[in-house]
Amino acid sequence: MRAFHYAFMVKDIDSTRKFYIDILGCEEGRSTENWVDFNFFGNQLSAHISNNFPALDYCGKVDGISVPIPHFGCVLDLEEFRIIQHKLEIENIEFVVKPQKRYEGKVGEQLTMFVFDYSGNPLEFKAFTDNNEIFSV
């Protein structure tokens, strides 16, 4: 799979570094006083300072759960998921959607959790029981 690039808005660089580097363990790439790049689990995130944050919509209905749209995140393996979950819990990051199993016993069974970063951007972390089922229907 190829890496993706995603540019998104943040309130400030300092709190963004704390969340993505100190909590999630991302490595920092290039930066200026107005933006910073991160290696987000093998993908490139570019966080840009903004004062214009659109409202979120909880229109995403997945397996009976309303999820914030837009959101981004990544697919981890099961061990990485548990490590990130633990780091988020240690830092008292509130879960928008608490860690749980979706589609239990079905194709696409997965662990999932949603959090907000310090700028209010919703992130989803998920881990499939069988990674061969990531794109299965």
C-alpha atoms as a PDB file:
ATOM      1  CA  MET A   1       0.000   0.000   0.000  1.00  0.00           C
ATOM      2  CA  ARG A   2       1.183   3.526  -0.672  1.00  0.00           C
ATOM      3  CA  ALA A   3       1.408   6.187   1.993  1.00  0.00           C
ATOM      4  CA  PHE A   4      -1.102   9.025   1.950  1.00  0.00           C
ATOM      5  CA  HIS A   5      -0.638  12.749   2.592  1.00  0.00           C
ATOM      6  CA  TYR A   6      -3.254  14.663   4.561  1.00  0.00           C
ATOM      7  CA  ALA A   7      -3.182  18.373   5.417  1.00  0.00           C
ATOM      8  CA  PHE A   8      -5.436  19.513   8.239  1.00  0.00           C
ATOM      9  CA  MET A   9      -6.061  22.481  10.537  1.00  0.00           C
ATOM     10  CA  VAL A  10      -4.797  22.897  14.094  1.00  0.00           C
ATOM     11  CA  LYS A  11      -5.048  25.679  16.673  1.00  0.00           C
ATOM     12  CA  ASP A  12      -1.333  25.844  17.500  1.00  0.00           C
ATOM     13  CA  ILE A  13       1.917  24.001  16.847  1.00  0.00           C
ATOM     14  CA  ASP A  14       2.952  23.365  20.484  1.00  0.00           C
ATOM     15  CA  SER A  15      -0.155  21.420  21.531  1.00  0.00           C
ATOM     16  CA  THR A  16      -0.139  19.634  18.169  1.00  0.00           C
ATOM     17  CA  ARG A  17       3.431  18.446  18.756  1.00  0.00           C
ATOM     18  CA  LYS A  18       2.464  17.281  22.251  1.00  0.00           C
ATOM     19  CA  PHE A  19      -0.423  15.196  20.949  1.00  0.00           C
ATOM     20  CA  TYR A  20       1.176  13.702  17.842  1.00  0.00           C
ATOM     21  CA  ILE A  21       4.746  13.276  19.120  1.00  0.00           C
ATOM     22  CA  ASP A  22       4.482  12.855  22.900  1.00  0.00           C
ATOM     23  CA  ILE A  23       1.265  10.823  23.000  1.00  0.00           C
ATOM     24  CA  LEU A  24       1.029   9.031  19.648  1.00  0.00           C
ATOM     25  CA  GLY A  25       4.772   8.659  19.100  1.00  0.00           C
ATOM     26  CA  CYS A  26       4.860  10.234  15.637  1.00  0.00           C
ATOM     27  CA  GLU A  27       8.149  11.574  14.316  1.00  0.00           C
ATOM     28  CA  GLU A  28       8.344  15.211  13.260  1.00  0.00           C
ATOM     29  CA  GLY A  29       9.336  16.104   9.724  1.00  0.00           C
ATOM     30  CA  ARG A  30       9.681  19.562   8.204  1.00  0.00           C
ATOM     31  CA  SER A  31       8.104  22.521   9.977  1.00  0.00           C
ATOM     32  CA  THR A  32       7.795  26.291  10.155  1.00  0.00           C
ATOM     33  CA  GLU A  33       6.084  28.511  12.713  1.00  0.00           C
ATOM     34  CA  ASN A  34       2.786  27.902  10.842  1.00  0.00           C
ATOM     35  CA  TRP A  35       2.831  24.187  10.000  1.00  0.00           C
ATOM     36  CA  VAL A  36       4.445  20.899  10.947  1.00  0.00           C
ATOM     37  CA  ASP A  37       4.681  17.517   9.219  1.00  0.00           C
ATOM     38  CA  PHE A  38       4.462  14.198  11.037  1.00  0.00           C
ATOM     39  CA  ASN A  39       5.159  10.602  10.156  1.00  0.00           C
ATOM     40  CA  PHE A  40       1.723   9.292  11.136  1.00  0.00           C
ATOM     41  CA  PHE A  41       2.206   5.515  11.127  1.00  0.00           C
ATOM     42  CA  GLY A  42       3.959   5.650   7.752  1.00  0.00           C
ATOM     43  CA  ASN A  43       1.804   8.438   6.303  1.00  0.00           C
ATOM     44  CA  GLN A  44       2.470  12.158   6.008  1.00  0.00           C
ATOM     45  CA  LEU A  45       0.294  14.513   8.043  1.00  0.00           C
ATOM     46  CA  SER A  46       0.692  18.276   7.594  1.00  0.00           C
ATOM     47  CA  ALA A  47      -0.787  20.287  10.454  1.00  0.00           C
ATOM     48  CA  HIS A  48      -1.450  23.932   9.519  1.00  0.00           C
ATOM     49  CA  ILE A  49      -2.474  26.657  11.967  1.00  0.00           C
ATOM     50  CA  SER A  50      -5.980  28.022  11.362  1.00  0.00           C
ATOM     51  CA  ASN A  51      -8.659  29.976  13.206  1.00  0.00           C
ATOM     52  CA  ASN A  52     -11.478  28.737  10.979  1.00  0.00           C
ATOM     53  CA  PHE A  53     -12.688  25.327  12.154  1.00  0.00           C
ATOM     54  CA  PRO A  54     -15.910  24.050  10.573  1.00  0.00           C
ATOM     55  CA  ALA A  55     -18.450  22.351  12.798  1.00  0.00           C
ATOM     56  CA  LEU A  56     -18.407  18.569  12.940  1.00  0.00           C
ATOM     57  CA  ASP A  57     -21.397  16.518  11.916  1.00  0.00           C
ATOM     58  CA  TYR A  58     -22.152  13.229  13.664  1.00  0.00           C
ATOM     59  CA  CYS A  59     -23.887  11.937  10.546  1.00  0.00           C
ATOM     60  CA  GLY A  60     -21.639   8.894  10.269  1.00  0.00           C
ATOM     61  CA  LYS A  61     -23.690   5.891  11.396  1.00  0.00           C
ATOM     62  CA  VAL A  62     -21.474   2.806  11.641  1.00  0.00           C
ATOM     63  CA  ASP A  63     -22.698  -0.373  13.299  1.00  0.00           C
ATOM     64  CA  GLY A  64     -25.225   1.661  15.308  1.00  0.00           C
ATOM     65  CA  ILE A  65     -22.707   4.302  16.469  1.00  0.00           C
ATOM     66  CA  SER A  66     -22.752   7.968  15.437  1.00  0.00           C
ATOM     67  CA  VAL A  67     -19.253   9.059  14.464  1.00  0.00           C
ATOM     68  CA  PRO A  68     -17.949  12.558  13.692  1.00  0.00           C
ATOM     69  CA  ILE A  69     -17.529  13.500  10.050  1.00  0.00           C
ATOM     70  CA  PRO A  70     -15.009  14.429   8.812  1.00  0.00           C
ATOM     71  CA  HIS A  71     -12.421  12.343  10.610  1.00  0.00           C
ATOM     72  CA  PHE A  72      -9.169  10.618   9.766  1.00  0.00           C
ATOM     73  CA  GLY A  73      -7.042   7.955  11.370  1.00  0.00           C
ATOM     74  CA  CYS A  74      -5.194   4.775  10.632  1.00  0.00           C
ATOM     75  CA  VAL A  75      -5.404   1.027  10.619  1.00  0.00           C
ATOM     76  CA  LEU A  76      -3.040  -0.530  13.161  1.00  0.00           C
ATOM     77  CA  ASP A  77      -2.246  -4.103  14.040  1.00  0.00           C
ATOM     78  CA  LEU A  78      -3.877  -5.399  17.229  1.00  0.00           C
ATOM     79  CA  GLU A  79      -0.776  -4.855  19.397  1.00  0.00           C
ATOM     80  CA  GLU A  80      -0.278  -1.280  18.118  1.00  0.00           C
ATOM     81  CA  PHE A  81      -3.961  -0.567  18.800  1.00  0.00           C
ATOM     82  CA  ARG A  82      -3.606  -1.655  22.434  1.00  0.00           C
ATOM     83  CA  ILE A  83      -0.410   0.414  22.835  1.00  0.00           C
ATOM     84  CA  ILE A  84      -2.092   3.565  21.468  1.00  0.00           C
ATOM     85  CA  GLN A  85      -5.181   2.884  23.593  1.00  0.00           C
ATOM     86  CA  HIS A  86      -2.982   2.636  26.674  1.00  0.00           C
ATOM     87  CA  LYS A  87      -1.111   5.866  25.842  1.00  0.00           C
ATOM     88  CA  LEU A  88      -4.405   7.719  25.362  1.00  0.00           C
ATOM     89  CA  GLU A  89      -5.741   6.382  28.658  1.00  0.00           C
ATOM     90  CA  ILE A  90      -2.557   7.353  30.551  1.00  0.00           C
ATOM     91  CA  GLU A  91      -2.870  10.912  29.200  1.00  0.00           C
ATOM     92  CA  ASN A  92      -6.579  11.013  30.166  1.00  0.00           C
ATOM     93  CA  ILE A  93      -7.631  11.676  26.587  1.00  0.00           C
ATOM     94  CA  GLU A  94     -11.410  11.413  26.444  1.00  0.00           C
ATOM     95  CA  PHE A  95     -12.739   8.860  23.990  1.00  0.00           C
ATOM     96  CA  VAL A  96     -15.416  10.110  21.605  1.00  0.00           C
ATOM     97  CA  VAL A  97     -16.125   6.436  20.922  1.00  0.00           C
ATOM     98  CA  LYS A  98     -14.650   4.166  23.588  1.00  0.00           C
ATOM     99  CA  PRO A  99     -12.456   1.267  22.450  1.00  0.00           C
ATOM    100  CA  GLN A 100     -14.736  -1.523  21.316  1.00  0.00           C
ATOM    101  CA  LYS A 101     -15.142  -4.396  18.902  1.00  0.00           C
ATOM    102  CA  ARG A 102     -17.266  -3.818  15.801  1.00  0.00           C
ATOM    103  CA  TYR A 103     -18.819  -6.452  13.556  1.00  0.00           C
ATOM    104  CA  GLU A 104     -18.008  -9.205  16.066  1.00  0.00           C
ATOM    105  CA  GLY A 105     -17.977 -12.629  14.441  1.00  0.00           C
ATOM    106  CA  LYS A 106     -18.491 -11.120  10.978  1.00  0.00           C
ATOM    107  CA  VAL A 107     -16.273 -10.302   8.038  1.00  0.00           C
ATOM    108  CA  GLY A 108     -14.424  -7.093   8.866  1.00  0.00           C
ATOM    109  CA  GLU A 109     -14.385  -7.658  12.635  1.00  0.00           C
ATOM    110  CA  GLN A 110     -12.324  -4.845  14.139  1.00  0.00           C
ATOM    111  CA  LEU A 111     -11.378  -2.893  17.211  1.00  0.00           C
ATOM    112  CA  THR A 112     -12.086   0.816  16.946  1.00  0.00           C
ATOM    113  CA  MET A 113     -11.813   3.975  19.024  1.00  0.00           C
ATOM    114  CA  PHE A 114     -12.229   7.689  18.370  1.00  0.00           C
ATOM    115  CA  VAL A 115     -10.536  10.622  20.121  1.00  0.00           C
ATOM    116  CA  PHE A 116     -10.085  14.330  19.517  1.00  0.00           C
ATOM    117  CA  ASP A 117      -6.621  15.818  19.218  1.00  0.00           C
ATOM    118  CA  TYR A 118      -5.927  19.034  21.151  1.00  0.00           C
ATOM    119  CA  SER A 119      -7.336  21.099  18.271  1.00  0.00           C
ATOM    120  CA  GLY A 120     -10.606  19.168  18.207  1.00  0.00           C
ATOM    121  CA  ASN A 121      -9.843  17.032  15.137  1.00  0.00           C
ATOM    122  CA  PRO A 122     -11.494  13.617  15.413  1.00  0.00           C
ATOM    123  CA  LEU A 123      -9.230  10.627  14.828  1.00  0.00           C
ATOM    124  CA  GLU A 124     -10.191   6.988  14.482  1.00  0.00           C
ATOM    125  CA  PHE A 125      -7.835   4.144  15.246  1.00  0.00           C
ATOM    126  CA  LYS A 126      -8.824   0.665  14.200  1.00  0.00           C
ATOM    127  CA  ALA A 127      -7.343  -2.817  14.072  1.00  0.00           C
ATOM    128  CA  PHE A 128      -8.832  -5.691  12.108  1.00  0.00           C
ATOM    129  CA  THR A 129      -8.905  -9.194  13.509  1.00  0.00           C
ATOM    130  CA  ASP A 130      -7.882 -10.317   9.999  1.00  0.00           C
ATOM    131  CA  ASN A 131      -6.062  -7.670   7.941  1.00  0.00           C
ATOM    132  CA  ASN A 132      -7.081  -9.526   4.769  1.00  0.00           C
ATOM    133  CA  GLU A 133     -10.616  -8.270   5.465  1.00  0.00           C
ATOM    134  CA  ILE A 134      -9.838  -4.531   5.493  1.00  0.00           C
ATOM    135  CA  PHE A 135     -11.608  -4.025   2.158  1.00  0.00           C
ATOM    136  CA  SER A 136     -13.997  -6.995   2.334  1.00  0.00           C
ATOM    137  CA  VAL A 137     -17.739  -6.516   2.035  1.00  0.00           C
END
